[in-house]
Amino acid sequence: MRFLAEPTIYAEITGYGATCDAYHRVRLEDTGEEPARAIRLALEDAGRRPEEVDYVNLHGTSTVINDRTETRALKIALGEHARRTPMSATKSQIGHPQGASGAAGVAAALCAMHTGHIPPTINLDQPDPECDLDYVPHVAREAAVRVAVCNCIGFGSKNSALVIEKT
């Protein structure tokens, strides 16, 4: 097959992690341990430390239990670096695409890498006090993103995370 132009490669998937604690059919176990373990496994697979993460694309369903649990998971997985890492929720802009959530998050992270702008979490008007990280509220932010984590949390307590790196 001949291409008219060489394809552009924006990033490479360098790490993957997945866990499942089978806690509940649709609800997460609220400690955040299993989603955190998926993130740590992805970072380990990529050979990256938490301090090297420039951006996290959140699962971000905007529900009390999921957002609190995801915040706990990121604090566990990234330690103190979680407080310095910009994060945003794609679902705040597009709604919940169910099975396509992970793909939408990866696309948003790739766009951030390519454009140098982290997409915002819109409609973040009354933040939960327990969700106290940098969610890039309301307006996109200029930033160089070289290493990103894309976090996914699914029904049945299935958790996955990807590490993608700009090429």
N, C-alpha and C. Protein backbone atom coordinates (compact mmCIF):
# COMPACT_ATOMS: atom_id res chain seq x y z
N MET A 1 0.84 -1.17 0.00
CA MET A 1 0.00 0.00 0.00
C MET A 1 0.89 1.24 0.00
N ARG A 2 0.55 2.21 -0.81
CA ARG A 2 1.30 3.47 -0.86
C ARG A 2 0.51 4.58 -0.20
N PHE A 3 1.20 5.37 0.58
CA PHE A 3 0.61 6.54 1.20
C PHE A 3 1.08 7.76 0.43
N LEU A 4 0.21 8.74 0.31
CA LEU A 4 0.61 9.99 -0.32
C LEU A 4 1.58 10.76 0.55
N ALA A 5 1.39 10.63 1.85
CA ALA A 5 2.29 11.28 2.80
C ALA A 5 2.56 10.30 3.93
N GLU A 6 3.70 10.45 4.54
CA GLU A 6 4.03 9.60 5.68
C GLU A 6 3.06 9.91 6.82
N PRO A 7 2.59 8.89 7.53
CA PRO A 7 1.70 9.14 8.66
C PRO A 7 2.47 9.87 9.77
N THR A 8 1.76 10.68 10.51
CA THR A 8 2.34 11.39 11.63
C THR A 8 2.12 10.58 12.90
N ILE A 9 3.18 10.30 13.60
CA ILE A 9 3.09 9.59 14.87
C ILE A 9 3.23 10.63 15.97
N TYR A 10 2.18 10.77 16.77
CA TYR A 10 2.17 11.78 17.83
C TYR A 10 2.72 11.26 19.14
N ALA A 11 2.54 9.98 19.41
CA ALA A 11 2.96 9.43 20.69
C ALA A 11 3.05 7.92 20.58
N GLU A 12 3.59 7.34 21.62
CA GLU A 12 3.73 5.90 21.70
C GLU A 12 3.14 5.45 23.04
N ILE A 13 2.43 4.34 23.02
CA ILE A 13 1.97 3.73 24.28
C ILE A 13 3.16 3.00 24.85
N THR A 14 3.63 3.44 26.01
CA THR A 14 4.81 2.83 26.61
C THR A 14 4.50 2.01 27.86
N GLY A 15 3.28 2.15 28.39
CA GLY A 15 2.94 1.39 29.58
C GLY A 15 1.46 1.12 29.68
N TYR A 16 1.15 -0.04 30.25
CA TYR A 16 -0.24 -0.45 30.45
C TYR A 16 -0.35 -1.17 31.78
N GLY A 17 -1.42 -0.88 32.50
CA GLY A 17 -1.70 -1.60 33.74
C GLY A 17 -3.19 -1.81 33.88
N ALA A 18 -3.57 -2.96 34.44
CA ALA A 18 -4.99 -3.27 34.63
C ALA A 18 -5.16 -4.05 35.92
N THR A 19 -6.26 -3.77 36.61
CA THR A 19 -6.60 -4.49 37.83
C THR A 19 -8.12 -4.70 37.86
N CYS A 20 -8.53 -5.62 38.72
CA CYS A 20 -9.96 -5.83 38.95
C CYS A 20 -10.11 -6.42 40.34
N ASP A 21 -10.86 -5.72 41.19
CA ASP A 21 -11.07 -6.25 42.53
C ASP A 21 -12.44 -6.89 42.68
N ALA A 22 -13.27 -6.83 41.64
CA ALA A 22 -14.60 -7.45 41.66
C ALA A 22 -15.39 -7.06 42.90
N TYR A 23 -15.27 -5.81 43.30
CA TYR A 23 -15.91 -5.32 44.50
C TYR A 23 -17.44 -5.27 44.37
N HIS A 24 -17.92 -4.75 43.24
CA HIS A 24 -19.35 -4.56 43.07
C HIS A 24 -19.64 -4.53 41.57
N ARG A 25 -20.84 -4.84 41.20
CA ARG A 25 -21.22 -4.87 39.78
C ARG A 25 -21.00 -3.52 39.08
N VAL A 26 -21.35 -2.41 39.73
CA VAL A 26 -21.18 -1.11 39.08
C VAL A 26 -20.46 -0.08 39.95
N ARG A 27 -20.22 -0.39 41.19
CA ARG A 27 -19.64 0.60 42.11
C ARG A 27 -18.19 0.27 42.43
N LEU A 28 -17.40 1.32 42.61
CA LEU A 28 -16.00 1.16 43.01
C LEU A 28 -15.87 0.96 44.51
N GLU A 29 -14.86 0.23 44.91
CA GLU A 29 -14.47 0.18 46.31
C GLU A 29 -13.76 1.52 46.55
N ASP A 30 -14.17 2.26 47.56
CA ASP A 30 -13.81 3.68 47.62
C ASP A 30 -12.43 4.02 48.16
N THR A 31 -11.59 3.04 48.47
CA THR A 31 -10.24 3.38 48.95
C THR A 31 -9.34 3.90 47.84
N GLY A 32 -9.62 3.51 46.59
CA GLY A 32 -8.79 3.92 45.46
C GLY A 32 -7.58 3.03 45.24
N GLU A 33 -7.43 1.99 46.04
CA GLU A 33 -6.24 1.13 45.94
C GLU A 33 -6.09 0.45 44.57
N GLU A 34 -7.17 -0.11 44.06
CA GLU A 34 -7.05 -0.86 42.79
C GLU A 34 -6.82 0.06 41.59
N PRO A 35 -7.54 1.19 41.44
CA PRO A 35 -7.19 2.09 40.35
C PRO A 35 -5.75 2.61 40.48
N ALA A 36 -5.31 2.85 41.72
CA ALA A 36 -3.93 3.30 41.94
C ALA A 36 -2.95 2.23 41.49
N ARG A 37 -3.26 0.99 41.80
CA ARG A 37 -2.36 -0.11 41.39
C ARG A 37 -2.28 -0.21 39.87
N ALA A 38 -3.39 0.01 39.17
CA ALA A 38 -3.36 0.00 37.70
C ALA A 38 -2.43 1.11 37.17
N ILE A 39 -2.50 2.29 37.77
CA ILE A 39 -1.63 3.40 37.36
C ILE A 39 -0.17 3.06 37.65
N ARG A 40 0.09 2.53 38.84
CA ARG A 40 1.47 2.16 39.18
C ARG A 40 2.01 1.09 38.24
N LEU A 41 1.18 0.10 37.90
CA LEU A 41 1.61 -0.94 36.96
C LEU A 41 1.94 -0.35 35.60
N ALA A 42 1.13 0.60 35.13
CA ALA A 42 1.38 1.24 33.84
C ALA A 42 2.69 2.03 33.88
N LEU A 43 2.92 2.76 34.96
CA LEU A 43 4.17 3.52 35.09
C LEU A 43 5.37 2.58 35.14
N GLU A 44 5.25 1.49 35.87
CA GLU A 44 6.32 0.50 35.95
C GLU A 44 6.60 -0.10 34.57
N ASP A 45 5.53 -0.43 33.84
CA ASP A 45 5.68 -1.00 32.50
C ASP A 45 6.39 -0.02 31.57
N ALA A 46 6.12 1.26 31.76
CA ALA A 46 6.74 2.30 30.92
C ALA A 46 8.14 2.67 31.39
N GLY A 47 8.52 2.21 32.56
CA GLY A 47 9.82 2.58 33.11
C GLY A 47 9.85 4.04 33.55
N ARG A 48 8.72 4.54 34.02
CA ARG A 48 8.59 5.95 34.43
C ARG A 48 8.29 6.05 35.92
N ARG A 49 8.73 7.15 36.50
CA ARG A 49 8.43 7.49 37.89
C ARG A 49 7.26 8.47 37.91
N PRO A 50 6.53 8.55 39.01
CA PRO A 50 5.42 9.50 39.09
C PRO A 50 5.84 10.94 38.76
N GLU A 51 7.04 11.34 39.16
CA GLU A 51 7.50 12.71 38.93
C GLU A 51 7.66 13.05 37.45
N GLU A 52 7.66 12.05 36.59
CA GLU A 52 7.84 12.28 35.17
C GLU A 52 6.51 12.50 34.43
N VAL A 53 5.40 12.33 35.12
CA VAL A 53 4.08 12.51 34.51
C VAL A 53 3.77 14.00 34.39
N ASP A 54 3.47 14.44 33.16
CA ASP A 54 3.16 15.85 32.89
C ASP A 54 1.67 16.14 32.89
N TYR A 55 0.85 15.11 32.71
CA TYR A 55 -0.60 15.32 32.57
C TYR A 55 -1.31 14.00 32.83
N VAL A 56 -2.50 14.08 33.44
CA VAL A 56 -3.36 12.91 33.61
C VAL A 56 -4.71 13.22 32.99
N ASN A 57 -5.13 12.34 32.09
CA ASN A 57 -6.50 12.43 31.58
C ASN A 57 -7.33 11.54 32.48
N LEU A 58 -8.27 12.15 33.17
CA LEU A 58 -9.07 11.47 34.19
C LEU A 58 -10.21 10.65 33.60
N HIS A 59 -10.61 9.64 34.34
CA HIS A 59 -11.85 8.95 34.00
C HIS A 59 -13.00 9.94 34.19
N GLY A 60 -12.97 10.68 35.29
CA GLY A 60 -13.78 11.88 35.52
C GLY A 60 -15.25 11.82 35.18
N THR A 61 -16.02 10.99 35.88
CA THR A 61 -17.45 10.87 35.56
C THR A 61 -18.31 11.96 36.18
N SER A 62 -17.73 12.75 37.07
CA SER A 62 -18.47 13.79 37.78
C SER A 62 -19.56 13.20 38.67
N THR A 63 -19.24 12.07 39.29
CA THR A 63 -20.09 11.50 40.33
C THR A 63 -19.30 11.52 41.63
N VAL A 64 -19.99 11.66 42.73
CA VAL A 64 -19.32 11.80 44.02
C VAL A 64 -18.38 10.62 44.28
N ILE A 65 -18.89 9.40 44.20
CA ILE A 65 -18.07 8.24 44.54
C ILE A 65 -16.90 8.07 43.57
N ASN A 66 -17.13 8.19 42.27
CA ASN A 66 -16.04 7.98 41.31
C ASN A 66 -14.98 9.07 41.41
N ASP A 67 -15.40 10.32 41.51
CA ASP A 67 -14.42 11.40 41.54
C ASP A 67 -13.59 11.37 42.82
N ARG A 68 -14.21 11.08 43.95
CA ARG A 68 -13.45 10.97 45.20
C ARG A 68 -12.49 9.78 45.15
N THR A 69 -12.97 8.67 44.62
CA THR A 69 -12.13 7.48 44.53
C THR A 69 -10.97 7.71 43.58
N GLU A 70 -11.23 8.34 42.44
CA GLU A 70 -10.16 8.60 41.49
C GLU A 70 -9.13 9.57 42.09
N THR A 71 -9.60 10.57 42.83
CA THR A 71 -8.67 11.48 43.50
C THR A 71 -7.80 10.72 44.49
N ARG A 72 -8.39 9.85 45.28
CA ARG A 72 -7.61 9.03 46.22
C ARG A 72 -6.60 8.18 45.48
N ALA A 73 -7.04 7.56 44.38
CA ALA A 73 -6.15 6.70 43.61
C ALA A 73 -4.95 7.47 43.07
N LEU A 74 -5.19 8.67 42.57
CA LEU A 74 -4.07 9.46 42.03
C LEU A 74 -3.11 9.89 43.12
N LYS A 75 -3.62 10.20 44.30
CA LYS A 75 -2.74 10.54 45.42
C LYS A 75 -1.90 9.34 45.84
N ILE A 76 -2.49 8.16 45.80
CA ILE A 76 -1.74 6.94 46.13
C ILE A 76 -0.69 6.66 45.06
N ALA A 77 -1.10 6.69 43.79
CA ALA A 77 -0.21 6.31 42.69
C ALA A 77 0.91 7.32 42.44
N LEU A 78 0.59 8.60 42.52
CA LEU A 78 1.58 9.63 42.18
C LEU A 78 2.21 10.29 43.41
N GLY A 79 1.72 9.98 44.58
CA GLY A 79 2.25 10.60 45.79
C GLY A 79 2.08 12.10 45.75
N GLU A 80 3.06 12.82 46.28
CA GLU A 80 2.99 14.28 46.33
C GLU A 80 2.95 14.91 44.93
N HIS A 81 3.46 14.19 43.94
CA HIS A 81 3.45 14.73 42.57
C HIS A 81 2.01 14.92 42.06
N ALA A 82 1.06 14.20 42.63
CA ALA A 82 -0.34 14.35 42.23
C ALA A 82 -0.80 15.80 42.41
N ARG A 83 -0.30 16.47 43.41
CA ARG A 83 -0.71 17.86 43.68
C ARG A 83 -0.12 18.84 42.66
N ARG A 84 0.93 18.44 41.97
CA ARG A 84 1.58 19.33 40.99
C ARG A 84 1.26 18.96 39.55
N THR A 85 0.45 17.93 39.36
CA THR A 85 0.18 17.43 38.01
C THR A 85 -1.16 17.94 37.51
N PRO A 86 -1.18 18.64 36.37
CA PRO A 86 -2.47 19.05 35.81
C PRO A 86 -3.23 17.83 35.29
N MET A 87 -4.54 17.85 35.53
CA MET A 87 -5.42 16.75 35.15
C MET A 87 -6.71 17.34 34.60
N SER A 88 -7.35 16.61 33.70
CA SER A 88 -8.66 17.09 33.24
C SER A 88 -9.55 15.92 32.85
N ALA A 89 -10.84 16.21 32.84
CA ALA A 89 -11.87 15.20 32.56
C ALA A 89 -12.52 15.49 31.21
N THR A 90 -12.23 14.66 30.24
CA THR A 90 -12.81 14.80 28.90
C THR A 90 -14.33 14.72 28.94
N LYS A 91 -14.88 13.87 29.81
CA LYS A 91 -16.34 13.70 29.89
C LYS A 91 -17.05 14.99 30.22
N SER A 92 -16.37 15.94 30.87
CA SER A 92 -17.02 17.22 31.18
C SER A 92 -17.41 17.95 29.90
N GLN A 93 -16.73 17.64 28.80
CA GLN A 93 -17.01 18.31 27.53
C GLN A 93 -17.86 17.49 26.57
N ILE A 94 -17.77 16.17 26.66
CA ILE A 94 -18.44 15.33 25.66
C ILE A 94 -19.50 14.40 26.24
N GLY A 95 -19.64 14.36 27.56
CA GLY A 95 -20.53 13.39 28.18
C GLY A 95 -19.81 12.06 28.33
N HIS A 96 -20.55 11.03 28.68
CA HIS A 96 -19.95 9.72 28.95
C HIS A 96 -20.17 8.81 27.74
N PRO A 97 -19.11 8.54 26.96
CA PRO A 97 -19.28 7.70 25.77
C PRO A 97 -19.20 6.20 26.06
N GLN A 98 -19.37 5.81 27.32
CA GLN A 98 -19.37 4.41 27.74
C GLN A 98 -18.10 3.70 27.27
N GLY A 99 -18.21 2.72 26.40
CA GLY A 99 -17.06 1.92 25.98
C GLY A 99 -15.99 2.69 25.23
N ALA A 100 -16.31 3.87 24.76
CA ALA A 100 -15.32 4.68 24.05
C ALA A 100 -14.61 5.67 24.97
N SER A 101 -14.86 5.59 26.27
CA SER A 101 -14.26 6.54 27.21
C SER A 101 -12.74 6.55 27.14
N GLY A 102 -12.15 5.37 27.12
CA GLY A 102 -10.69 5.30 27.07
C GLY A 102 -10.12 5.92 25.81
N ALA A 103 -10.75 5.63 24.68
CA ALA A 103 -10.28 6.19 23.41
C ALA A 103 -10.41 7.71 23.40
N ALA A 104 -11.50 8.23 23.96
CA ALA A 104 -11.68 9.68 24.02
C ALA A 104 -10.60 10.32 24.89
N GLY A 105 -10.27 9.67 26.00
CA GLY A 105 -9.22 10.19 26.87
C GLY A 105 -7.85 10.18 26.22
N VAL A 106 -7.55 9.11 25.49
CA VAL A 106 -6.28 9.05 24.76
C VAL A 106 -6.24 10.14 23.69
N ALA A 107 -7.33 10.33 22.98
CA ALA A 107 -7.38 11.38 21.95
C ALA A 107 -7.13 12.75 22.56
N ALA A 108 -7.74 13.02 23.72
CA ALA A 108 -7.54 14.32 24.39
C ALA A 108 -6.08 14.48 24.82
N ALA A 109 -5.48 13.41 25.33
CA ALA A 109 -4.07 13.48 25.75
C ALA A 109 -3.16 13.70 24.54
N LEU A 110 -3.45 13.03 23.43
CA LEU A 110 -2.66 13.24 22.21
C LEU A 110 -2.78 14.68 21.72
N CYS A 111 -3.97 15.22 21.76
CA CYS A 111 -4.16 16.63 21.37
C CYS A 111 -3.37 17.56 22.28
N ALA A 112 -3.36 17.27 23.57
CA ALA A 112 -2.58 18.10 24.51
C ALA A 112 -1.10 18.05 24.15
N MET A 113 -0.60 16.86 23.83
CA MET A 113 0.80 16.72 23.45
C MET A 113 1.11 17.49 22.17
N HIS A 114 0.21 17.38 21.21
CA HIS A 114 0.42 17.98 19.90
C HIS A 114 0.28 19.50 19.91
N THR A 115 -0.70 20.01 20.64
CA THR A 115 -0.98 21.45 20.61
C THR A 115 -0.28 22.24 21.71
N GLY A 116 0.16 21.53 22.77
CA GLY A 116 0.75 22.23 23.90
C GLY A 116 -0.28 22.90 24.79
N HIS A 117 -1.52 22.42 24.73
CA HIS A 117 -2.60 22.95 25.56
C HIS A 117 -3.36 21.80 26.21
N ILE A 118 -3.43 21.83 27.52
CA ILE A 118 -4.20 20.82 28.25
C ILE A 118 -5.67 21.22 28.21
N PRO A 119 -6.53 20.29 27.81
CA PRO A 119 -7.96 20.63 27.76
C PRO A 119 -8.51 20.87 29.16
N PRO A 120 -9.49 21.73 29.29
CA PRO A 120 -10.04 22.02 30.62
C PRO A 120 -11.09 21.01 31.06
N THR A 121 -11.34 21.02 32.35
CA THR A 121 -12.52 20.38 32.91
C THR A 121 -13.56 21.48 33.02
N ILE A 122 -14.58 21.43 32.15
CA ILE A 122 -15.58 22.50 32.17
C ILE A 122 -16.66 22.20 33.21
N ASN A 123 -17.43 23.21 33.53
CA ASN A 123 -18.55 23.09 34.49
C ASN A 123 -18.11 22.68 35.89
N LEU A 124 -16.87 22.97 36.25
CA LEU A 124 -16.38 22.66 37.59
C LEU A 124 -16.63 23.87 38.48
N ASP A 125 -17.90 24.07 38.80
CA ASP A 125 -18.32 25.26 39.53
C ASP A 125 -18.35 25.08 41.04
N GLN A 126 -18.63 23.89 41.52
CA GLN A 126 -18.69 23.63 42.96
C GLN A 126 -17.86 22.39 43.27
N PRO A 127 -16.52 22.55 43.33
CA PRO A 127 -15.67 21.38 43.55
C PRO A 127 -15.91 20.74 44.92
N ASP A 128 -15.87 19.44 44.94
CA ASP A 128 -15.96 18.66 46.17
C ASP A 128 -14.67 18.93 46.96
N PRO A 129 -14.76 19.26 48.24
CA PRO A 129 -13.55 19.51 49.03
C PRO A 129 -12.59 18.32 49.06
N GLU A 130 -13.12 17.10 48.88
CA GLU A 130 -12.25 15.92 48.87
C GLU A 130 -11.55 15.73 47.52
N CYS A 131 -11.98 16.46 46.52
CA CYS A 131 -11.35 16.42 45.19
C CYS A 131 -10.52 17.69 45.05
N ASP A 132 -9.31 17.63 45.55
CA ASP A 132 -8.50 18.83 45.75
C ASP A 132 -7.22 18.87 44.92
N LEU A 133 -7.27 18.28 43.74
CA LEU A 133 -6.10 18.31 42.86
C LEU A 133 -6.30 19.38 41.78
N ASP A 134 -5.34 19.51 40.88
CA ASP A 134 -5.40 20.52 39.82
C ASP A 134 -6.14 19.95 38.62
N TYR A 135 -7.44 20.23 38.53
CA TYR A 135 -8.28 19.68 37.47
C TYR A 135 -8.41 20.61 36.26
N VAL A 136 -7.55 21.58 36.12
CA VAL A 136 -7.55 22.54 35.01
C VAL A 136 -8.98 23.04 34.75
N PRO A 137 -9.54 23.76 35.71
CA PRO A 137 -10.94 24.16 35.58
C PRO A 137 -11.20 25.23 34.52
N HIS A 138 -12.25 25.05 33.75
CA HIS A 138 -12.88 26.04 32.87
C HIS A 138 -12.11 26.44 31.60
N VAL A 139 -10.79 26.58 31.66
CA VAL A 139 -10.03 27.11 30.54
C VAL A 139 -8.81 26.23 30.26
N ALA A 140 -8.54 25.98 28.99
CA ALA A 140 -7.36 25.21 28.62
C ALA A 140 -6.11 25.90 29.15
N ARG A 141 -5.06 25.10 29.38
CA ARG A 141 -3.82 25.63 29.93
C ARG A 141 -2.66 25.25 29.02
N GLU A 142 -1.82 26.22 28.74
CA GLU A 142 -0.62 25.96 27.95
C GLU A 142 0.35 25.14 28.79
N ALA A 143 0.86 24.06 28.23
CA ALA A 143 1.81 23.20 28.93
C ALA A 143 2.48 22.25 27.94
N ALA A 144 3.72 21.96 28.21
CA ALA A 144 4.43 20.95 27.42
C ALA A 144 4.12 19.59 28.05
N VAL A 145 3.50 18.72 27.29
CA VAL A 145 3.14 17.39 27.78
C VAL A 145 3.97 16.38 27.00
N ARG A 146 4.86 15.72 27.72
CA ARG A 146 5.69 14.69 27.11
C ARG A 146 5.25 13.30 27.57
N VAL A 147 4.85 13.18 28.84
CA VAL A 147 4.40 11.90 29.40
C VAL A 147 3.02 12.12 30.00
N ALA A 148 2.07 11.31 29.56
CA ALA A 148 0.69 11.42 30.07
C ALA A 148 0.20 10.07 30.55
N VAL A 149 -0.65 10.11 31.56
CA VAL A 149 -1.36 8.92 32.02
C VAL A 149 -2.82 9.09 31.65
N CYS A 150 -3.39 8.06 31.05
CA CYS A 150 -4.81 8.03 30.73
C CYS A 150 -5.44 6.98 31.65
N ASN A 151 -6.37 7.43 32.49
CA ASN A 151 -6.94 6.58 33.51
C ASN A 151 -8.37 6.17 33.14
N CYS A 152 -8.68 4.90 33.33
CA CYS A 152 -10.03 4.40 33.06
C CYS A 152 -10.48 3.54 34.23
N ILE A 153 -11.72 3.75 34.62
CA ILE A 153 -12.33 2.98 35.70
C ILE A 153 -13.64 2.44 35.15
N GLY A 154 -13.85 1.13 35.23
CA GLY A 154 -15.04 0.56 34.61
C GLY A 154 -15.93 -0.18 35.58
N PHE A 155 -17.11 -0.54 35.09
CA PHE A 155 -18.05 -1.34 35.87
C PHE A 155 -17.37 -2.64 36.31
N GLY A 156 -17.79 -3.14 37.45
CA GLY A 156 -17.21 -4.37 37.97
C GLY A 156 -15.84 -4.16 38.57
N SER A 157 -15.50 -2.90 38.84
CA SER A 157 -14.21 -2.53 39.42
C SER A 157 -13.04 -2.92 38.52
N LYS A 158 -13.25 -2.79 37.22
CA LYS A 158 -12.16 -3.02 36.26
C LYS A 158 -11.47 -1.69 36.03
N ASN A 159 -10.18 -1.67 36.23
CA ASN A 159 -9.40 -0.44 36.14
C ASN A 159 -8.27 -0.64 35.14
N SER A 160 -8.00 0.40 34.37
CA SER A 160 -6.86 0.32 33.46
C SER A 160 -6.24 1.71 33.34
N ALA A 161 -4.96 1.69 33.01
CA ALA A 161 -4.24 2.95 32.80
C ALA A 161 -3.23 2.74 31.69
N LEU A 162 -3.06 3.77 30.90
CA LEU A 162 -2.03 3.79 29.86
C LEU A 162 -1.06 4.92 30.14
N VAL A 163 0.19 4.70 29.82
CA VAL A 163 1.18 5.77 29.78
C VAL A 163 1.48 5.99 28.31
N ILE A 164 1.31 7.22 27.86
CA ILE A 164 1.67 7.55 26.49
C ILE A 164 2.76 8.61 26.53
N GLU A 165 3.68 8.52 25.58
CA GLU A 165 4.81 9.43 25.54
C GLU A 165 4.96 10.03 24.16
N LYS A 166 5.19 11.32 24.16
CA LYS A 166 5.37 12.07 22.91
C LYS A 166 6.62 11.55 22.20
N THR A 167 6.49 11.35 20.89
CA THR A 167 7.64 10.87 20.12
C THR A 167 8.42 12.02 19.51
